[in-house]
N, C-alpha and C. Protein backbone atom coordinates (compact mmCIF):
# COMPACT_ATOMS: atom_id res chain seq x y z
N UNK A 1 130.96 50.81 87.81
CA UNK A 1 132.37 50.59 87.51
C UNK A 1 133.08 49.92 88.67
N UNK A 2 132.52 49.97 89.87
CA UNK A 2 133.18 49.36 91.02
C UNK A 2 133.18 47.84 90.92
N UNK A 3 132.41 47.26 89.99
CA UNK A 3 132.42 45.82 89.79
C UNK A 3 133.67 45.36 89.05
N UNK A 4 134.41 46.31 88.48
CA UNK A 4 135.62 45.98 87.74
C UNK A 4 136.80 45.84 88.68
N UNK A 5 137.73 44.97 88.32
CA UNK A 5 138.98 44.87 89.07
C UNK A 5 139.81 46.12 88.75
N UNK A 6 140.85 46.41 89.55
CA UNK A 6 141.72 47.54 89.20
C UNK A 6 142.29 47.41 87.78
N UNK A 7 142.70 46.21 87.38
CA UNK A 7 143.23 46.02 86.03
C UNK A 7 142.17 46.29 84.98
N UNK A 8 140.96 45.80 85.19
CA UNK A 8 139.88 46.04 84.23
C UNK A 8 139.55 47.53 84.14
N UNK A 9 139.59 48.22 85.27
CA UNK A 9 139.32 49.65 85.29
C UNK A 9 140.36 50.40 84.46
N UNK A 10 141.64 50.08 84.68
CA UNK A 10 142.72 50.76 83.96
C UNK A 10 142.67 50.42 82.47
N UNK A 11 142.40 49.18 82.14
CA UNK A 11 142.32 48.79 80.73
C UNK A 11 141.16 49.51 80.04
N UNK A 12 140.02 49.63 80.69
CA UNK A 12 138.88 50.35 80.11
C UNK A 12 139.24 51.83 79.90
N UNK A 13 139.91 52.41 80.88
CA UNK A 13 140.37 53.79 80.78
C UNK A 13 141.33 53.95 79.60
N UNK A 14 142.31 53.07 79.51
CA UNK A 14 143.32 53.13 78.45
C UNK A 14 142.68 52.93 77.08
N UNK A 15 141.74 52.01 76.98
CA UNK A 15 141.06 51.76 75.69
C UNK A 15 140.32 53.01 75.22
N UNK A 16 139.65 53.70 76.14
CA UNK A 16 138.93 54.93 75.77
C UNK A 16 139.90 56.04 75.38
N UNK A 17 140.98 56.18 76.12
CA UNK A 17 141.96 57.23 75.82
C UNK A 17 142.65 56.96 74.48
N UNK A 18 142.87 55.69 74.16
CA UNK A 18 143.47 55.33 72.87
C UNK A 18 142.62 55.87 71.72
N UNK A 19 141.31 55.83 71.91
CA UNK A 19 140.38 56.30 70.88
C UNK A 19 140.11 57.80 71.00
N UNK A 20 140.80 58.45 71.95
CA UNK A 20 140.65 59.89 72.22
C UNK A 20 139.22 60.22 72.64
N UNK A 21 138.60 59.30 73.34
CA UNK A 21 137.26 59.49 73.91
C UNK A 21 137.46 59.91 75.37
N UNK A 22 137.83 61.17 75.55
CA UNK A 22 138.20 61.66 76.88
C UNK A 22 137.06 61.56 77.88
N UNK A 23 135.85 61.93 77.47
CA UNK A 23 134.71 61.85 78.40
C UNK A 23 134.51 60.43 78.91
N UNK A 24 134.57 59.48 78.00
CA UNK A 24 134.40 58.08 78.36
C UNK A 24 135.53 57.62 79.28
N UNK A 25 136.76 57.95 78.93
CA UNK A 25 137.90 57.53 79.74
C UNK A 25 137.89 58.12 81.13
N UNK A 26 137.53 59.39 81.22
CA UNK A 26 137.57 60.06 82.52
C UNK A 26 136.48 59.57 83.48
N UNK A 27 135.52 58.83 82.99
CA UNK A 27 134.54 58.20 83.89
C UNK A 27 135.22 57.19 84.82
N UNK A 28 136.38 56.69 84.41
CA UNK A 28 137.12 55.72 85.23
C UNK A 28 138.10 56.39 86.18
N UNK A 29 138.18 57.71 86.14
CA UNK A 29 139.13 58.47 86.96
C UNK A 29 138.39 59.21 88.06
N UNK A 30 139.01 59.25 89.24
CA UNK A 30 138.46 60.04 90.34
C UNK A 30 138.49 61.52 89.97
N UNK A 31 137.58 62.28 90.52
CA UNK A 31 137.53 63.72 90.24
C UNK A 31 138.84 64.41 90.62
N UNK A 32 139.51 63.90 91.64
CA UNK A 32 140.76 64.52 92.12
C UNK A 32 141.99 63.70 91.75
N UNK A 33 141.92 62.96 90.66
CA UNK A 33 143.04 62.13 90.21
C UNK A 33 144.32 62.95 90.14
N UNK A 34 145.41 62.34 90.55
CA UNK A 34 146.74 62.95 90.40
C UNK A 34 147.38 62.35 89.16
N UNK A 35 147.78 63.20 88.22
CA UNK A 35 148.36 62.75 86.96
C UNK A 35 149.73 63.37 86.79
N UNK A 36 150.73 62.52 86.58
CA UNK A 36 152.10 62.98 86.35
C UNK A 36 152.51 62.46 84.99
N UNK A 37 152.67 63.38 84.04
CA UNK A 37 153.00 63.02 82.67
C UNK A 37 154.50 63.06 82.43
N UNK A 38 155.21 63.85 83.21
CA UNK A 38 156.66 63.96 83.13
C UNK A 38 157.10 64.65 84.41
N UNK A 39 158.38 64.72 84.69
CA UNK A 39 158.80 65.41 85.91
C UNK A 39 158.31 66.85 86.00
N UNK A 40 158.10 67.49 84.85
CA UNK A 40 157.66 68.88 84.85
C UNK A 40 156.15 69.04 84.71
N UNK A 41 155.42 67.98 84.45
CA UNK A 41 153.99 68.09 84.16
C UNK A 41 153.18 67.30 85.16
N UNK A 42 152.61 68.02 86.12
CA UNK A 42 151.72 67.44 87.12
C UNK A 42 150.35 68.07 86.92
N UNK A 43 149.31 67.26 86.99
CA UNK A 43 147.96 67.77 86.83
C UNK A 43 147.05 67.09 87.85
N UNK A 44 145.99 67.77 88.20
CA UNK A 44 145.02 67.23 89.13
C UNK A 44 143.63 67.33 88.51
N UNK A 45 142.87 66.27 88.64
CA UNK A 45 141.49 66.28 88.20
C UNK A 45 141.31 66.09 86.71
N UNK A 46 140.05 65.96 86.33
CA UNK A 46 139.71 65.75 84.92
C UNK A 46 140.16 66.92 84.05
N UNK A 47 139.94 68.14 84.52
CA UNK A 47 140.33 69.32 83.73
C UNK A 47 141.85 69.35 83.55
N UNK A 48 142.59 68.97 84.58
CA UNK A 48 144.05 68.96 84.48
C UNK A 48 144.54 67.96 83.45
N UNK A 49 143.92 66.79 83.41
CA UNK A 49 144.29 65.78 82.42
C UNK A 49 144.01 66.31 81.01
N UNK A 50 142.86 66.92 80.83
CA UNK A 50 142.51 67.48 79.51
C UNK A 50 143.51 68.55 79.09
N UNK A 51 143.93 69.39 80.03
CA UNK A 51 144.89 70.46 79.70
C UNK A 51 146.21 69.91 79.20
N UNK A 52 146.58 68.74 79.70
CA UNK A 52 147.84 68.12 79.28
C UNK A 52 147.66 67.34 77.97
N UNK A 53 146.62 66.52 77.90
CA UNK A 53 146.50 65.58 76.79
C UNK A 53 145.86 66.15 75.52
N UNK A 54 144.87 67.00 75.66
CA UNK A 54 144.19 67.48 74.45
C UNK A 54 145.13 68.20 73.49
N UNK A 55 146.03 69.07 73.95
CA UNK A 55 146.96 69.68 72.98
C UNK A 55 147.91 68.66 72.34
N UNK A 56 148.34 67.66 73.12
CA UNK A 56 149.23 66.64 72.56
C UNK A 56 148.51 65.84 71.48
N UNK A 57 147.27 65.46 71.75
CA UNK A 57 146.52 64.62 70.81
C UNK A 57 145.90 65.41 69.67
N UNK A 58 145.90 66.73 69.72
CA UNK A 58 145.24 67.55 68.69
C UNK A 58 145.68 67.19 67.26
N UNK A 59 146.98 67.06 66.97
CA UNK A 59 147.37 66.74 65.58
C UNK A 59 147.27 65.25 65.25
N UNK A 60 146.98 64.44 66.26
CA UNK A 60 146.98 62.99 66.06
C UNK A 60 145.62 62.54 65.52
N UNK A 61 145.66 61.76 64.46
CA UNK A 61 144.43 61.29 63.83
C UNK A 61 144.03 59.90 64.29
N UNK A 62 145.00 59.12 64.77
CA UNK A 62 144.72 57.76 65.18
C UNK A 62 145.80 57.30 66.14
N UNK A 63 145.40 56.49 67.10
CA UNK A 63 146.34 55.90 68.06
C UNK A 63 146.20 54.39 68.04
N UNK A 64 147.28 53.73 68.40
CA UNK A 64 147.25 52.30 68.65
C UNK A 64 148.14 52.07 69.86
N UNK A 65 147.55 51.61 70.96
CA UNK A 65 148.30 51.32 72.18
C UNK A 65 148.49 49.80 72.23
N UNK A 66 149.72 49.37 72.02
CA UNK A 66 150.04 47.94 72.01
C UNK A 66 150.52 47.56 73.41
N UNK A 67 149.76 46.71 74.05
CA UNK A 67 150.09 46.29 75.41
C UNK A 67 151.19 45.24 75.37
N UNK A 68 152.27 45.53 76.07
CA UNK A 68 153.41 44.60 76.14
C UNK A 68 153.35 43.74 77.40
N UNK A 69 153.10 44.40 78.54
CA UNK A 69 153.03 43.72 79.82
C UNK A 69 152.02 44.42 80.70
N UNK A 70 151.39 43.65 81.58
CA UNK A 70 150.49 44.24 82.57
C UNK A 70 150.72 43.53 83.90
N UNK A 71 150.71 44.33 84.95
CA UNK A 71 150.91 43.80 86.29
C UNK A 71 149.83 44.39 87.18
N UNK A 72 149.19 43.53 87.97
CA UNK A 72 148.21 43.98 88.94
C UNK A 72 148.61 43.43 90.29
N UNK A 73 148.72 44.32 91.27
CA UNK A 73 149.03 43.91 92.63
C UNK A 73 148.14 44.72 93.56
N UNK A 74 147.13 44.06 94.11
CA UNK A 74 146.18 44.78 94.94
C UNK A 74 145.47 45.85 94.11
N UNK A 75 145.56 47.08 94.56
CA UNK A 75 144.89 48.18 93.85
C UNK A 75 145.85 48.93 92.92
N UNK A 76 147.03 48.36 92.68
CA UNK A 76 148.01 49.02 91.81
C UNK A 76 148.15 48.23 90.50
N UNK A 77 148.30 48.99 89.40
CA UNK A 77 148.39 48.40 88.07
C UNK A 77 149.55 49.07 87.33
N UNK A 78 150.30 48.27 86.59
CA UNK A 78 151.35 48.78 85.72
C UNK A 78 151.09 48.24 84.32
N UNK A 79 151.06 49.15 83.33
CA UNK A 79 150.93 48.76 81.93
C UNK A 79 152.17 49.22 81.17
N UNK A 80 152.83 48.30 80.53
CA UNK A 80 153.92 48.65 79.61
C UNK A 80 153.33 48.58 78.21
N UNK A 81 153.45 49.71 77.48
CA UNK A 81 152.82 49.80 76.17
C UNK A 81 153.80 50.34 75.13
N UNK A 82 153.45 50.08 73.88
CA UNK A 82 154.06 50.79 72.77
C UNK A 82 152.93 51.62 72.19
N UNK A 83 152.99 52.93 72.39
CA UNK A 83 151.95 53.83 71.88
C UNK A 83 152.34 54.25 70.47
N UNK A 84 151.47 53.99 69.52
CA UNK A 84 151.68 54.38 68.13
C UNK A 84 150.69 55.50 67.83
N UNK A 85 151.19 56.58 67.22
CA UNK A 85 150.37 57.75 66.93
C UNK A 85 150.52 58.09 65.45
N UNK A 86 149.36 58.32 64.79
CA UNK A 86 149.40 58.69 63.37
C UNK A 86 149.07 60.16 63.22
N UNK A 87 149.99 60.86 62.55
CA UNK A 87 149.80 62.26 62.18
C UNK A 87 149.87 62.30 60.66
N UNK A 88 148.76 62.63 60.01
CA UNK A 88 148.72 62.55 58.54
C UNK A 88 148.91 61.11 58.11
N UNK A 89 149.92 60.87 57.28
CA UNK A 89 150.20 59.51 56.83
C UNK A 89 151.37 58.88 57.59
N UNK A 90 151.94 59.64 58.52
CA UNK A 90 153.13 59.18 59.26
C UNK A 90 152.75 58.65 60.64
N UNK A 91 153.41 57.59 61.04
CA UNK A 91 153.25 57.02 62.39
C UNK A 91 154.53 57.26 63.18
N UNK A 92 154.37 57.51 64.48
CA UNK A 92 155.53 57.47 65.37
C UNK A 92 155.20 56.62 66.57
N UNK A 93 156.23 56.04 67.14
CA UNK A 93 156.07 55.10 68.25
C UNK A 93 156.75 55.65 69.49
N UNK A 94 156.09 55.43 70.63
CA UNK A 94 156.60 55.89 71.91
C UNK A 94 156.43 54.79 72.94
N UNK A 95 157.52 54.18 73.40
CA UNK A 95 157.41 53.23 74.51
C UNK A 95 157.00 53.98 75.78
N UNK A 96 155.98 53.46 76.46
CA UNK A 96 155.43 54.11 77.65
C UNK A 96 155.15 53.06 78.72
N UNK A 97 155.39 53.42 79.96
CA UNK A 97 154.95 52.61 81.09
C UNK A 97 154.07 53.48 81.97
N UNK A 98 152.87 53.01 82.22
CA UNK A 98 151.93 53.73 83.07
C UNK A 98 151.76 53.02 84.39
N UNK A 99 151.77 53.80 85.46
CA UNK A 99 151.58 53.28 86.82
C UNK A 99 150.28 53.89 87.35
N UNK A 100 149.40 53.05 87.86
CA UNK A 100 148.07 53.49 88.29
C UNK A 100 147.75 52.95 89.68
N UNK A 101 146.93 53.72 90.38
CA UNK A 101 146.37 53.25 91.65
C UNK A 101 144.86 53.46 91.56
N UNK A 102 144.12 52.43 91.94
CA UNK A 102 142.66 52.46 91.85
C UNK A 102 142.08 52.32 93.26
N UNK A 103 141.14 53.20 93.59
CA UNK A 103 140.42 53.12 94.87
C UNK A 103 138.94 53.28 94.60
N UNK A 104 138.16 52.40 95.18
CA UNK A 104 136.70 52.46 95.04
C UNK A 104 136.27 52.52 93.58
N UNK A 105 136.96 51.75 92.72
CA UNK A 105 136.58 51.65 91.32
C UNK A 105 137.01 52.80 90.44
N UNK A 106 137.80 53.74 90.97
CA UNK A 106 138.25 54.90 90.19
C UNK A 106 139.78 55.02 90.28
N UNK A 107 140.38 55.48 89.18
CA UNK A 107 141.82 55.72 89.18
C UNK A 107 142.09 57.01 89.94
N UNK A 108 142.93 56.92 90.96
CA UNK A 108 143.25 58.10 91.78
C UNK A 108 144.67 58.61 91.51
N UNK A 109 145.50 57.77 90.90
CA UNK A 109 146.89 58.13 90.62
C UNK A 109 147.27 57.54 89.28
N UNK A 110 147.92 58.36 88.44
CA UNK A 110 148.36 57.90 87.12
C UNK A 110 149.67 58.61 86.80
N UNK A 111 150.69 57.82 86.56
CA UNK A 111 151.99 58.38 86.19
C UNK A 111 152.51 57.65 84.96
N UNK A 112 153.01 58.42 83.99
CA UNK A 112 153.54 57.86 82.75
C UNK A 112 155.06 58.07 82.71
N UNK A 113 155.76 57.03 82.28
CA UNK A 113 157.20 57.10 82.08
C UNK A 113 157.49 56.88 80.60
N UNK A 114 158.26 57.80 80.00
CA UNK A 114 158.63 57.71 78.60
C UNK A 114 159.83 58.61 78.37
N UNK A 115 160.45 58.45 77.22
CA UNK A 115 161.59 59.28 76.84
C UNK A 115 161.08 60.48 76.05
N UNK A 116 161.12 61.65 76.65
CA UNK A 116 160.61 62.86 76.00
C UNK A 116 161.34 63.16 74.69
N UNK A 117 162.61 62.84 74.62
CA UNK A 117 163.39 63.08 73.39
C UNK A 117 162.83 62.30 72.20
N UNK A 118 162.20 61.16 72.47
CA UNK A 118 161.58 60.39 71.39
C UNK A 118 160.45 61.20 70.77
N UNK A 119 159.63 61.85 71.60
CA UNK A 119 158.54 62.67 71.07
C UNK A 119 159.11 63.82 70.25
N UNK A 120 160.10 64.51 70.78
CA UNK A 120 160.69 65.66 70.10
C UNK A 120 161.25 65.26 68.74
N UNK A 121 162.03 64.19 68.70
CA UNK A 121 162.65 63.79 67.43
C UNK A 121 161.61 63.27 66.44
N UNK A 122 160.61 62.56 66.90
CA UNK A 122 159.59 62.04 66.00
C UNK A 122 158.71 63.16 65.46
N UNK A 123 158.35 64.12 66.29
CA UNK A 123 157.55 65.26 65.80
C UNK A 123 158.36 66.08 64.78
N UNK A 124 159.64 66.25 65.04
CA UNK A 124 160.49 66.98 64.09
C UNK A 124 160.56 66.22 62.77
N UNK A 125 160.66 64.90 62.85
CA UNK A 125 160.69 64.08 61.64
C UNK A 125 159.37 64.22 60.86
N UNK A 126 158.25 64.12 61.56
CA UNK A 126 156.95 64.18 60.89
C UNK A 126 156.66 65.56 60.33
N UNK A 127 156.82 66.57 61.16
CA UNK A 127 156.49 67.91 60.69
C UNK A 127 157.54 68.46 59.74
N UNK A 128 158.76 67.96 59.86
CA UNK A 128 159.79 68.33 58.90
C UNK A 128 159.49 67.71 57.55
N UNK A 129 158.95 66.47 57.56
CA UNK A 129 158.59 65.79 56.31
C UNK A 129 157.40 66.46 55.65
N UNK A 130 156.52 67.05 56.48
CA UNK A 130 155.32 67.69 55.92
C UNK A 130 155.60 69.07 55.38
N UNK A 131 156.72 69.66 55.80
CA UNK A 131 157.02 71.04 55.37
C UNK A 131 157.57 71.11 53.98
């Protein structure tokens, strides 16, 4: 994996996570990766990432991460995405910006920026529609 550029590393990681292939995606992450999903959610390491993401993705049947912009500067990468998530027959969209730092071919830092209220309102819409 060290043959990949930082951007290629992050894109491979993101592609695997989009498909909810956590084992595959985490191969691109350092064992001690720092992950910040929101101001209140900090995780360290592969197990920490799983603790945050697996419950979120549990009701999701399909994802589509639409890349809007990508920036690579040295070992730092920024991806602006529109994350689309399907729960049952309903889709919801979440604009997300991810900031990554890659060292020695592995992601060591990952922070996501998004509007948490979008998740809350979309989940209420979906699960309210299913009730």
